[in-house]
Amino acid sequence: MAADPPIEVRGLVKRYGEIVAVDGVDLTVQAGDVYGYLGPNGAGKTTSLRMMLGLIRPTAGNVRLFGRDPLLGVRALEGVAGFVEAPQFYPYLSGRRNLDLLAAYDGHGASGRIDQALATVELSDRAGDRVGGYSHGMRQRLGIAGALLRAPKLLLLDEPATGLDPAGMRDMRVLIRRLADEGMTVLLSSHLLPEVEELCNKVAIVRSGKIVYEGAIADLKRGAGATYRLATTDDERALAVCRAQRGLADIRIDHGYICFAADGTTAAELSQALVEAGALITMLAPETVTLENLFFSLTEGDTGGRSDGALETVPR
């Protein structure tokens, strides 16, 4: 019998009066995933994480963590840890003393894991200092140390790199990568797309409470096709040719270049059409598709609903 996935969410809804914060979310996080939960501010990411951790009750739908309903109590959260929004500590106590209190509350041998947790987040040398003197990045790492006291198999993190300087972002990225490499499943909510692209193998992209894409980042990029940047001796004529050419999509002017999406065969056919029209090519270069490009395509304009495994071309 196959093991239950670390996270399985079906039909998740949360309403606050007339406001629908989360609207029919479905997602599955498999063991070993580093899974990015992405969306603009106000898209319902934090509300979703609160329901996943059993902190608030869904209006409809259900969450299962390793097959267990998180609303059924502490035992249902065995093997699960994390934090929503910024982790909170007593600023007048040391980092170690804060972890002592957390370990006493959690039990189950957590106190014996304090030294290892501090070492993992590279705070051993500052463990005796008051948390009030910690940088924002150090407090974020202490929050992860607190989560590690539970010896989790699943770690849920809400915007762990928000507010960090570049060095802090790098340290957080290295830490999350190390935990994943050690076998931990990680779900992280974030709007820092380059960080997510480097860390995550799968993503769910949410817009106005609804999932507009869920799946592997590689599949999302593959479905988007190639994009090109074009310059010619007569860009006005070239733009008319592009608009008349079959197979081109998302045609636009960007920083003085004609940009479009097309496959390789269509781009070659366009080259011939441009020469015949008297618009000689001075540059035709493929562009690397980034998660950021695709994110904005899916969260701006009219997506026409959810996309699973393939990106629909939408207005920017």
C-alpha atoms as a PDB file:
ATOM      1  CA  MET A   1       0.000   0.000   0.000  1.00  0.00           C
ATOM      2  CA  ALA A   2       1.408   3.377  -1.037  1.00  0.00           C
ATOM      3  CA  ALA A   3       2.190   5.856   1.716  1.00  0.00           C
ATOM      4  CA  ASP A   4      -0.012   8.917   2.031  1.00  0.00           C
ATOM      5  CA  PRO A   5       1.558  12.078   0.569  1.00  0.00           C
ATOM      6  CA  PRO A   6       2.878  14.686   3.018  1.00  0.00           C
ATOM      7  CA  ILE A   7       0.209  17.184   1.858  1.00  0.00           C
ATOM      8  CA  GLU A   8      -3.026  16.528   0.021  1.00  0.00           C
ATOM      9  CA  VAL A   9      -5.515  19.395  -0.335  1.00  0.00           C
ATOM     10  CA  ARG A  10      -8.883  19.046  -2.056  1.00  0.00           C
ATOM     11  CA  GLY A  11     -11.523  21.693  -2.689  1.00  0.00           C
ATOM     12  CA  LEU A  12     -10.163  24.017  -0.016  1.00  0.00           C
ATOM     13  CA  VAL A  13     -12.291  27.140   0.527  1.00  0.00           C
ATOM     14  CA  LYS A  14     -12.113  29.924   3.096  1.00  0.00           C
ATOM     15  CA  ARG A  15     -14.657  32.725   3.180  1.00  0.00           C
ATOM     16  CA  TYR A  16     -14.759  35.773   5.411  1.00  0.00           C
ATOM     17  CA  GLY A  17     -18.272  37.100   4.911  1.00  0.00           C
ATOM     18  CA  GLU A  18     -18.533  38.049   1.249  1.00  0.00           C
ATOM     19  CA  ILE A  19     -14.775  37.764   0.717  1.00  0.00           C
ATOM     20  CA  VAL A  20     -13.479  34.462  -0.698  1.00  0.00           C
ATOM     21  CA  ALA A  21      -9.837  34.276   0.413  1.00  0.00           C
ATOM     22  CA  VAL A  22      -9.228  30.715  -0.827  1.00  0.00           C
ATOM     23  CA  ASP A  23     -11.371  29.351  -3.626  1.00  0.00           C
ATOM     24  CA  GLY A  24     -11.344  25.619  -4.341  1.00  0.00           C
ATOM     25  CA  VAL A  25      -7.627  24.897  -3.978  1.00  0.00           C
ATOM     26  CA  ASP A  26      -6.368  21.423  -4.933  1.00  0.00           C
ATOM     27  CA  LEU A  27      -2.716  20.470  -4.556  1.00  0.00           C
ATOM     28  CA  THR A  28      -0.552  17.475  -3.717  1.00  0.00           C
ATOM     29  CA  VAL A  29       2.954  17.601  -2.263  1.00  0.00           C
ATOM     30  CA  GLN A  30       4.862  14.336  -2.604  1.00  0.00           C
ATOM     31  CA  ALA A  31       7.656  13.103  -0.329  1.00  0.00           C
ATOM     32  CA  GLY A  32      10.937  14.789  -1.205  1.00  0.00           C
ATOM     33  CA  ASP A  33       9.377  17.764  -2.984  1.00  0.00           C
ATOM     34  CA  VAL A  34      10.556  21.306  -2.462  1.00  0.00           C
ATOM     35  CA  TYR A  35       7.242  22.871  -3.369  1.00  0.00           C
ATOM     36  CA  GLY A  36       6.694  26.574  -3.972  1.00  0.00           C
ATOM     37  CA  TYR A  37       3.294  28.106  -3.216  1.00  0.00           C
ATOM     38  CA  LEU A  38       3.289  31.327  -5.209  1.00  0.00           C
ATOM     39  CA  GLY A  39       0.996  34.264  -5.712  1.00  0.00           C
ATOM     40  CA  PRO A  40       0.690  38.035  -5.458  1.00  0.00           C
ATOM     41  CA  ASN A  41       0.039  39.647  -2.086  1.00  0.00           C
ATOM     42  CA  GLY A  42      -3.542  38.974  -1.050  1.00  0.00           C
ATOM     43  CA  ALA A  43      -3.855  35.847  -3.205  1.00  0.00           C
ATOM     44  CA  GLY A  44      -4.627  33.612  -0.201  1.00  0.00           C
ATOM     45  CA  LYS A  45      -1.230  31.966   0.371  1.00  0.00           C
ATOM     46  CA  THR A  46      -0.989  32.588   4.130  1.00  0.00           C
ATOM     47  CA  THR A  47      -4.645  31.676   4.675  1.00  0.00           C
ATOM     48  CA  SER A  48      -4.023  28.378   2.867  1.00  0.00           C
ATOM     49  CA  LEU A  49      -1.002  27.604   5.056  1.00  0.00           C
ATOM     50  CA  ARG A  50      -3.006  28.378   8.195  1.00  0.00           C
ATOM     51  CA  MET A  51      -5.585  25.798   7.131  1.00  0.00           C
ATOM     52  CA  MET A  52      -2.889  23.266   6.260  1.00  0.00           C
ATOM     53  CA  LEU A  53      -1.486  23.585   9.784  1.00  0.00           C
ATOM     54  CA  GLY A  54      -4.912  23.384  11.421  1.00  0.00           C
ATOM     55  CA  LEU A  55      -4.741  26.947  12.742  1.00  0.00           C
ATOM     56  CA  ILE A  56      -8.054  27.921  11.140  1.00  0.00           C
ATOM     57  CA  ARG A  57     -10.980  25.833   9.955  1.00  0.00           C
ATOM     58  CA  PRO A  58     -11.830  25.678   6.231  1.00  0.00           C
ATOM     59  CA  THR A  59     -15.233  26.824   5.044  1.00  0.00           C
ATOM     60  CA  ALA A  60     -15.216  23.821   2.708  1.00  0.00           C
ATOM     61  CA  GLY A  61     -12.824  21.152   1.485  1.00  0.00           C
ATOM     62  CA  ASN A  62     -10.192  19.249   3.409  1.00  0.00           C
ATOM     63  CA  VAL A  63      -6.488  18.963   4.159  1.00  0.00           C
ATOM     64  CA  ARG A  64      -4.596  15.764   4.857  1.00  0.00           C
ATOM     65  CA  LEU A  65      -1.018  15.709   6.181  1.00  0.00           C
ATOM     66  CA  PHE A  66       0.354  12.189   5.810  1.00  0.00           C
ATOM     67  CA  GLY A  67      -3.307  11.142   5.594  1.00  0.00           C
ATOM     68  CA  ARG A  68      -4.326  12.910   8.816  1.00  0.00           C
ATOM     69  CA  ASP A  69      -6.708  15.821   9.313  1.00  0.00           C
ATOM     70  CA  PRO A  70      -4.745  18.631  11.040  1.00  0.00           C
ATOM     71  CA  LEU A  71      -7.937  19.778  12.810  1.00  0.00           C
ATOM     72  CA  LEU A  72      -7.981  16.591  14.875  1.00  0.00           C
ATOM     73  CA  GLY A  73      -5.312  17.828  17.296  1.00  0.00           C
ATOM     74  CA  VAL A  74      -1.617  17.720  18.060  1.00  0.00           C
ATOM     75  CA  ARG A  75      -1.179  14.036  17.211  1.00  0.00           C
ATOM     76  CA  ALA A  76      -2.380  14.733  13.663  1.00  0.00           C
ATOM     77  CA  LEU A  77       0.597  17.104  13.262  1.00  0.00           C
ATOM     78  CA  GLU A  78       3.213  14.499  14.155  1.00  0.00           C
ATOM     79  CA  GLY A  79       6.176  14.890  11.810  1.00  0.00           C
ATOM     80  CA  VAL A  80       4.999  18.362  10.721  1.00  0.00           C
ATOM     81  CA  ALA A  81       6.475  21.752  11.642  1.00  0.00           C
ATOM     82  CA  GLY A  82       6.813  25.269  10.350  1.00  0.00           C
ATOM     83  CA  PHE A  83       5.660  28.818  10.872  1.00  0.00           C
ATOM     84  CA  VAL A  84       3.145  31.216   9.360  1.00  0.00           C
ATOM     85  CA  GLU A  85       4.256  34.823   8.932  1.00  0.00           C
ATOM     86  CA  ALA A  86       7.264  35.814  11.070  1.00  0.00           C
ATOM     87  CA  PRO A  87       8.249  33.490  13.950  1.00  0.00           C
ATOM     88  CA  GLN A  88       7.802  35.104  17.374  1.00  0.00           C
ATOM     89  CA  PHE A  89      10.207  34.851  20.318  1.00  0.00           C
ATOM     90  CA  TYR A  90      10.769  36.471  23.705  1.00  0.00           C
ATOM     91  CA  PRO A  91      13.259  39.220  22.790  1.00  0.00           C
ATOM     92  CA  TYR A  92      14.684  39.502  26.332  1.00  0.00           C
ATOM     93  CA  LEU A  93      15.648  35.802  26.399  1.00  0.00           C
ATOM     94  CA  SER A  94      18.533  34.150  24.576  1.00  0.00           C
ATOM     95  CA  GLY A  95      18.042  32.078  21.466  1.00  0.00           C
ATOM     96  CA  ARG A  96      18.803  28.910  23.424  1.00  0.00           C
ATOM     97  CA  ARG A  97      16.398  29.795  26.231  1.00  0.00           C
ATOM     98  CA  ASN A  98      13.627  30.404  23.701  1.00  0.00           C
ATOM     99  CA  LEU A  99      14.296  26.974  22.228  1.00  0.00           C
ATOM    100  CA  ASP A 100      14.323  25.483  25.749  1.00  0.00           C
ATOM    101  CA  LEU A 101      10.782  26.771  26.255  1.00  0.00           C
ATOM    102  CA  LEU A 102       9.623  25.432  22.915  1.00  0.00           C
ATOM    103  CA  ALA A 103      11.188  22.048  23.618  1.00  0.00           C
ATOM    104  CA  ALA A 104       9.542  21.839  27.056  1.00  0.00           C
ATOM    105  CA  TYR A 105       6.183  22.547  25.474  1.00  0.00           C
ATOM    106  CA  ASP A 106       6.686  20.027  22.675  1.00  0.00           C
ATOM    107  CA  GLY A 107       8.275  17.196  24.650  1.00  0.00           C
ATOM    108  CA  HIS A 108       9.117  13.932  22.860  1.00  0.00           C
ATOM    109  CA  GLY A 109      12.860  14.407  23.249  1.00  0.00           C
ATOM    110  CA  ALA A 110      12.868  17.880  21.692  1.00  0.00           C
ATOM    111  CA  SER A 111      15.276  19.265  24.305  1.00  0.00           C
ATOM    112  CA  GLY A 112      17.915  16.811  23.145  1.00  0.00           C
ATOM    113  CA  ARG A 113      17.732  18.236  19.630  1.00  0.00           C
ATOM    114  CA  ILE A 114      18.473  21.870  20.539  1.00  0.00           C
ATOM    115  CA  ASP A 115      22.219  21.770  19.914  1.00  0.00           C
ATOM    116  CA  GLN A 116      21.793  20.063  16.558  1.00  0.00           C
ATOM    117  CA  ALA A 117      19.063  22.495  15.498  1.00  0.00           C
ATOM    118  CA  LEU A 118      21.241  25.485  16.369  1.00  0.00           C
ATOM    119  CA  ALA A 119      24.138  23.972  14.458  1.00  0.00           C
ATOM    120  CA  THR A 120      21.949  23.282  11.424  1.00  0.00           C
ATOM    121  CA  VAL A 121      20.854  26.930  11.178  1.00  0.00           C
ATOM    122  CA  GLU A 122      24.383  28.143  12.054  1.00  0.00           C
ATOM    123  CA  LEU A 123      23.428  29.924  15.265  1.00  0.00           C
ATOM    124  CA  SER A 124      25.492  27.946  17.767  1.00  0.00           C
ATOM    125  CA  ASP A 125      27.862  30.835  18.402  1.00  0.00           C
ATOM    126  CA  ARG A 126      24.979  33.272  19.028  1.00  0.00           C
ATOM    127  CA  ALA A 127      22.757  30.941  21.037  1.00  0.00           C
ATOM    128  CA  GLY A 128      23.545  32.721  24.314  1.00  0.00           C
ATOM    129  CA  ASP A 129      22.680  36.188  22.975  1.00  0.00           C
ATOM    130  CA  ARG A 130      19.310  37.814  23.526  1.00  0.00           C
ATOM    131  CA  VAL A 131      16.979  37.465  20.554  1.00  0.00           C
ATOM    132  CA  GLY A 132      16.282  41.206  20.734  1.00  0.00           C
ATOM    133  CA  GLY A 133      19.776  41.735  19.358  1.00  0.00           C
ATOM    134  CA  TYR A 134      19.343  39.300  16.456  1.00  0.00           C
ATOM    135  CA  SER A 135      19.060  40.473  12.870  1.00  0.00           C
ATOM    136  CA  HIS A 136      15.880  39.658  10.952  1.00  0.00           C
ATOM    137  CA  GLY A 137      17.666  36.828   9.161  1.00  0.00           C
ATOM    138  CA  MET A 138      18.872  35.340  12.441  1.00  0.00           C
ATOM    139  CA  ARG A 139      15.325  35.380  13.834  1.00  0.00           C
ATOM    140  CA  GLN A 140      14.089  33.622  10.692  1.00  0.00           C
ATOM    141  CA  ARG A 141      16.767  30.959  11.112  1.00  0.00           C
ATOM    142  CA  LEU A 142      15.901  30.611  14.808  1.00  0.00           C
ATOM    143  CA  GLY A 143      12.323  30.003  13.714  1.00  0.00           C
ATOM    144  CA  ILE A 144      13.486  27.125  11.542  1.00  0.00           C
ATOM    145  CA  ALA A 145      15.576  25.825  14.461  1.00  0.00           C
ATOM    146  CA  GLY A 146      12.408  25.836  16.558  1.00  0.00           C
ATOM    147  CA  ALA A 147      10.627  23.844  13.865  1.00  0.00           C
ATOM    148  CA  LEU A 148      13.498  21.345  13.687  1.00  0.00           C
ATOM    149  CA  LEU A 149      13.041  20.489  17.363  1.00  0.00           C
ATOM    150  CA  ARG A 150      10.046  18.414  16.268  1.00  0.00           C
ATOM    151  CA  ALA A 151      12.291  16.303  13.979  1.00  0.00           C
ATOM    152  CA  PRO A 152       9.818  16.959  11.145  1.00  0.00           C
ATOM    153  CA  LYS A 153       9.451  15.080   7.898  1.00  0.00           C
ATOM    154  CA  LEU A 154       7.448  18.006   6.499  1.00  0.00           C
ATOM    155  CA  LEU A 155       8.352  21.678   6.896  1.00  0.00           C
ATOM    156  CA  LEU A 156       5.911  24.485   5.960  1.00  0.00           C
ATOM    157  CA  LEU A 157       7.419  27.970   5.719  1.00  0.00           C
ATOM    158  CA  ASP A 158       5.581  31.225   5.035  1.00  0.00           C
ATOM    159  CA  GLU A 159       7.789  33.777   3.229  1.00  0.00           C
ATOM    160  CA  PRO A 160      11.005  32.662   4.992  1.00  0.00           C
ATOM    161  CA  ALA A 161      13.237  35.050   3.004  1.00  0.00           C
ATOM    162  CA  THR A 162      11.032  38.158   3.098  1.00  0.00           C
ATOM    163  CA  GLY A 163      12.857  41.203   4.416  1.00  0.00           C
ATOM    164  CA  LEU A 164      16.292  39.596   4.217  1.00  0.00           C
ATOM    165  CA  ASP A 165      19.273  41.280   2.614  1.00  0.00           C
ATOM    166  CA  PRO A 166      21.033  39.437  -0.248  1.00  0.00           C
ATOM    167  CA  ALA A 167      23.377  37.613   2.133  1.00  0.00           C
ATOM    168  CA  GLY A 168      20.438  36.560   4.309  1.00  0.00           C
ATOM    169  CA  MET A 169      18.542  35.293   1.261  1.00  0.00           C
ATOM    170  CA  ARG A 170      21.571  33.271   0.236  1.00  0.00           C
ATOM    171  CA  ASP A 171      21.887  31.767   3.722  1.00  0.00           C
ATOM    172  CA  MET A 172      18.180  30.893   3.812  1.00  0.00           C
ATOM    173  CA  ARG A 173      18.374  29.314   0.362  1.00  0.00           C
ATOM    174  CA  VAL A 174      21.396  27.217   1.366  1.00  0.00           C
ATOM    175  CA  LEU A 175      19.643  26.121   4.568  1.00  0.00           C
ATOM    176  CA  ILE A 176      16.444  25.038   2.834  1.00  0.00           C
ATOM    177  CA  ARG A 177      18.439  23.218   0.147  1.00  0.00           C
ATOM    178  CA  ARG A 178      20.434  21.381   2.833  1.00  0.00           C
ATOM    179  CA  LEU A 179      17.257  20.280   4.647  1.00  0.00           C
ATOM    180  CA  ALA A 180      15.753  19.042   1.388  1.00  0.00           C
ATOM    181  CA  ASP A 181      18.925  17.159   0.515  1.00  0.00           C
ATOM    182  CA  GLU A 182      18.669  15.426   3.887  1.00  0.00           C
ATOM    183  CA  GLY A 183      15.244  14.085   2.889  1.00  0.00           C
ATOM    184  CA  MET A 184      12.842  16.651   4.318  1.00  0.00           C
ATOM    185  CA  THR A 185       9.779  17.642   2.302  1.00  0.00           C
ATOM    186  CA  VAL A 186       9.395  21.431   2.180  1.00  0.00           C
ATOM    187  CA  LEU A 187       6.486  23.642   1.185  1.00  0.00           C
ATOM    188  CA  LEU A 188       7.323  27.324   1.111  1.00  0.00           C
ATOM    189  CA  SER A 189       5.104  30.262   0.354  1.00  0.00           C
ATOM    190  CA  SER A 190       7.003  33.027  -1.371  1.00  0.00           C
ATOM    191  CA  HIS A 191       6.880  35.900  -3.839  1.00  0.00           C
ATOM    192  CA  LEU A 192      10.669  35.853  -4.418  1.00  0.00           C
ATOM    193  CA  LEU A 193      10.541  34.065  -7.745  1.00  0.00           C
ATOM    194  CA  PRO A 194      14.270  33.685  -8.515  1.00  0.00           C
ATOM    195  CA  GLU A 195      14.714  32.011  -5.120  1.00  0.00           C
ATOM    196  CA  VAL A 196      11.803  29.656  -5.792  1.00  0.00           C
ATOM    197  CA  GLU A 197      13.099  28.798  -9.260  1.00  0.00           C
ATOM    198  CA  GLU A 198      16.467  27.844  -7.814  1.00  0.00           C
ATOM    199  CA  LEU A 199      15.066  25.845  -4.891  1.00  0.00           C
ATOM    200  CA  CYS A 200      11.800  24.215  -5.953  1.00  0.00           C
ATOM    201  CA  ASN A 201      10.997  21.330  -8.251  1.00  0.00           C
ATOM    202  CA  LYS A 202       7.233  21.964  -8.216  1.00  0.00           C
ATOM    203  CA  VAL A 203       4.987  24.975  -7.766  1.00  0.00           C
ATOM    204  CA  ALA A 204       1.384  25.973  -7.346  1.00  0.00           C
ATOM    205  CA  ILE A 205       0.589  29.460  -8.615  1.00  0.00           C
ATOM    206  CA  VAL A 206      -2.456  31.064  -7.031  1.00  0.00           C
ATOM    207  CA  ARG A 207      -4.412  34.081  -8.212  1.00  0.00           C
ATOM    208  CA  SER A 208      -7.359  35.569  -6.278  1.00  0.00           C
ATOM    209  CA  GLY A 209      -7.569  32.423  -4.160  1.00  0.00           C
ATOM    210  CA  LYS A 210      -7.591  30.009  -7.130  1.00  0.00           C
ATOM    211  CA  ILE A 211      -4.847  27.758  -8.439  1.00  0.00           C
ATOM    212  CA  VAL A 212      -3.964  28.715 -12.011  1.00  0.00           C
ATOM    213  CA  TYR A 213      -1.094  26.237 -12.350  1.00  0.00           C
ATOM    214  CA  GLU A 214       0.139  23.268 -10.346  1.00  0.00           C
ATOM    215  CA  GLY A 215       2.994  21.028 -11.404  1.00  0.00           C
ATOM    216  CA  ALA A 216       6.676  20.837 -12.185  1.00  0.00           C
ATOM    217  CA  ILE A 217       8.512  24.039 -13.074  1.00  0.00           C
ATOM    218  CA  ALA A 218      10.127  22.177 -15.993  1.00  0.00           C
ATOM    219  CA  ASP A 219       6.677  21.290 -17.393  1.00  0.00           C
ATOM    220  CA  LEU A 220       5.510  24.891 -17.017  1.00  0.00           C
ATOM    221  CA  LYS A 221       8.495  26.144 -19.002  1.00  0.00           C
ATOM    222  CA  ARG A 222       8.125  23.430 -21.623  1.00  0.00           C
ATOM    223  CA  GLY A 223       4.468  24.305 -22.143  1.00  0.00           C
ATOM    224  CA  ALA A 224       5.289  27.974 -22.600  1.00  0.00           C
ATOM    225  CA  GLY A 225       7.386  27.372 -25.732  1.00  0.00           C
ATOM    226  CA  ALA A 226      10.301  29.535 -26.808  1.00  0.00           C
ATOM    227  CA  THR A 227      10.215  33.327 -26.876  1.00  0.00           C
ATOM    228  CA  TYR A 228      12.211  35.467 -29.305  1.00  0.00           C
ATOM    229  CA  ARG A 229      13.481  39.040 -29.553  1.00  0.00           C
ATOM    230  CA  LEU A 230      13.614  40.528 -33.060  1.00  0.00           C
ATOM    231  CA  ALA A 231      15.148  43.651 -34.650  1.00  0.00           C
ATOM    232  CA  THR A 232      15.046  44.454 -38.375  1.00  0.00           C
ATOM    233  CA  THR A 233      15.830  47.198 -40.881  1.00  0.00           C
ATOM    234  CA  ASP A 234      12.117  48.069 -40.935  1.00  0.00           C
ATOM    235  CA  ASP A 235      10.441  47.216 -37.640  1.00  0.00           C
ATOM    236  CA  GLU A 236       7.085  48.695 -38.601  1.00  0.00           C
ATOM    237  CA  ARG A 237       6.840  46.404 -41.601  1.00  0.00           C
ATOM    238  CA  ALA A 238       8.262  43.501 -39.563  1.00  0.00           C
ATOM    239  CA  LEU A 239       5.581  43.959 -36.893  1.00  0.00           C
ATOM    240  CA  ALA A 240       2.870  43.717 -39.558  1.00  0.00           C
ATOM    241  CA  VAL A 241       4.489  40.523 -40.900  1.00  0.00           C
ATOM    242  CA  CYS A 242       4.622  39.027 -37.391  1.00  0.00           C
ATOM    243  CA  ARG A 243       0.956  39.759 -36.788  1.00  0.00           C
ATOM    244  CA  ALA A 244       0.039  38.091 -40.072  1.00  0.00           C
ATOM    245  CA  GLN A 245       2.242  35.038 -39.505  1.00  0.00           C
ATOM    246  CA  ARG A 246       0.512  31.907 -38.222  1.00  0.00           C
ATOM    247  CA  GLY A 247       1.911  30.269 -35.093  1.00  0.00           C
ATOM    248  CA  LEU A 248       3.204  33.420 -33.362  1.00  0.00           C
ATOM    249  CA  ALA A 249       1.754  34.423 -29.988  1.00  0.00           C
ATOM    250  CA  ASP A 250       2.141  37.163 -27.379  1.00  0.00           C
ATOM    251  CA  ILE A 251       3.486  39.624 -29.989  1.00  0.00           C
ATOM    252  CA  ARG A 252       4.541  42.877 -28.354  1.00  0.00           C
ATOM    253  CA  ILE A 253       7.103  45.689 -28.419  1.00  0.00           C
ATOM    254  CA  ASP A 254       9.533  45.583 -25.498  1.00  0.00           C
ATOM    255  CA  HIS A 255      12.378  48.102 -25.144  1.00  0.00           C
ATOM    256  CA  GLY A 256      12.444  48.717 -28.890  1.00  0.00           C
ATOM    257  CA  TYR A 257      12.425  45.039 -29.870  1.00  0.00           C
ATOM    258  CA  ILE A 258       9.622  42.931 -31.325  1.00  0.00           C
ATOM    259  CA  CYS A 259       9.010  40.027 -28.945  1.00  0.00           C
ATOM    260  CA  PHE A 260       6.914  36.930 -29.604  1.00  0.00           C
ATOM    261  CA  ALA A 261       6.455  33.280 -28.668  1.00  0.00           C
ATOM    262  CA  ALA A 262       6.873  30.561 -31.294  1.00  0.00           C
ATOM    263  CA  ASP A 263       8.395  27.166 -31.932  1.00  0.00           C
ATOM    264  CA  GLY A 264      11.625  26.789 -33.899  1.00  0.00           C
ATOM    265  CA  THR A 265       9.939  25.902 -37.197  1.00  0.00           C
ATOM    266  CA  THR A 266       7.638  28.923 -37.050  1.00  0.00           C
ATOM    267  CA  ALA A 267      10.577  31.231 -36.246  1.00  0.00           C
ATOM    268  CA  ALA A 268      12.413  29.908 -39.323  1.00  0.00           C
ATOM    269  CA  GLU A 269       9.349  30.488 -41.503  1.00  0.00           C
ATOM    270  CA  LEU A 270       9.083  34.033 -40.126  1.00  0.00           C
ATOM    271  CA  SER A 271      12.674  34.705 -41.163  1.00  0.00           C
ATOM    272  CA  GLN A 272      11.832  33.891 -44.757  1.00  0.00           C
ATOM    273  CA  ALA A 273       8.651  35.999 -44.645  1.00  0.00           C
ATOM    274  CA  LEU A 274      10.570  38.998 -43.327  1.00  0.00           C
ATOM    275  CA  VAL A 275      13.159  38.779 -46.125  1.00  0.00           C
ATOM    276  CA  GLU A 276      10.403  38.545 -48.738  1.00  0.00           C
ATOM    277  CA  ALA A 277       8.742  41.629 -47.179  1.00  0.00           C
ATOM    278  CA  GLY A 278      11.988  43.616 -47.327  1.00  0.00           C
ATOM    279  CA  ALA A 279      12.509  43.781 -43.548  1.00  0.00           C
ATOM    280  CA  LEU A 280      16.006  42.366 -43.158  1.00  0.00           C
ATOM    281  CA  ILE A 281      16.827  40.785 -39.805  1.00  0.00           C
ATOM    282  CA  THR A 282      19.536  42.468 -37.743  1.00  0.00           C
ATOM    283  CA  MET A 283      18.856  40.316 -34.666  1.00  0.00           C
ATOM    284  CA  LEU A 284      16.698  37.273 -33.926  1.00  0.00           C
ATOM    285  CA  ALA A 285      17.543  35.720 -30.573  1.00  0.00           C
ATOM    286  CA  PRO A 286      15.749  33.201 -28.364  1.00  0.00           C
ATOM    287  CA  GLU A 287      15.178  34.294 -24.781  1.00  0.00           C
ATOM    288  CA  THR A 288      15.382  32.160 -21.666  1.00  0.00           C
ATOM    289  CA  VAL A 289      11.929  31.638 -20.188  1.00  0.00           C
ATOM    290  CA  THR A 290      12.005  32.354 -16.448  1.00  0.00           C
ATOM    291  CA  LEU A 291       9.554  31.450 -13.722  1.00  0.00           C
ATOM    292  CA  GLU A 292       9.052  35.189 -13.238  1.00  0.00           C
ATOM    293  CA  ASN A 293       7.906  35.631 -16.867  1.00  0.00           C
ATOM    294  CA  LEU A 294       5.458  32.754 -16.542  1.00  0.00           C
ATOM    295  CA  PHE A 295       4.221  33.889 -13.132  1.00  0.00           C
ATOM    296  CA  PHE A 296       3.220  37.289 -14.490  1.00  0.00           C
ATOM    297  CA  SER A 297       1.582  35.682 -17.529  1.00  0.00           C
ATOM    298  CA  LEU A 298      -0.565  33.542 -15.236  1.00  0.00           C
ATOM    299  CA  THR A 299      -1.412  36.157 -12.611  1.00  0.00           C
ATOM    300  CA  GLU A 300      -2.033  39.216 -14.820  1.00  0.00           C
ATOM    301  CA  GLY A 301      -4.852  39.552 -17.333  1.00  0.00           C
ATOM    302  CA  ASP A 302      -7.439  36.841 -17.958  1.00  0.00           C
ATOM    303  CA  THR A 303      -6.038  33.340 -17.501  1.00  0.00           C
ATOM    304  CA  GLY A 304      -9.278  31.639 -18.484  1.00  0.00           C
ATOM    305  CA  GLY A 305      -9.072  29.244 -15.541  1.00  0.00           C
ATOM    306  CA  ARG A 306      -6.636  26.733 -14.191  1.00  0.00           C
ATOM    307  CA  SER A 307      -3.730  25.396 -16.200  1.00  0.00           C
ATOM    308  CA  ASP A 308      -2.413  21.898 -15.439  1.00  0.00           C
ATOM    309  CA  GLY A 309       0.837  21.028 -17.179  1.00  0.00           C
ATOM    310  CA  ALA A 310       0.534  23.588 -19.979  1.00  0.00           C
ATOM    311  CA  LEU A 311       0.668  27.344 -20.026  1.00  0.00           C
ATOM    312  CA  GLU A 312      -1.990  29.259 -21.906  1.00  0.00           C
ATOM    313  CA  THR A 313      -0.748  32.369 -23.693  1.00  0.00           C
ATOM    314  CA  VAL A 314      -2.416  35.358 -22.070  1.00  0.00           C
ATOM    315  CA  PRO A 315      -2.114  39.131 -22.371  1.00  0.00           C
ATOM    316  CA  ARG A 316       0.618  40.706 -20.300  1.00  0.00           C
END
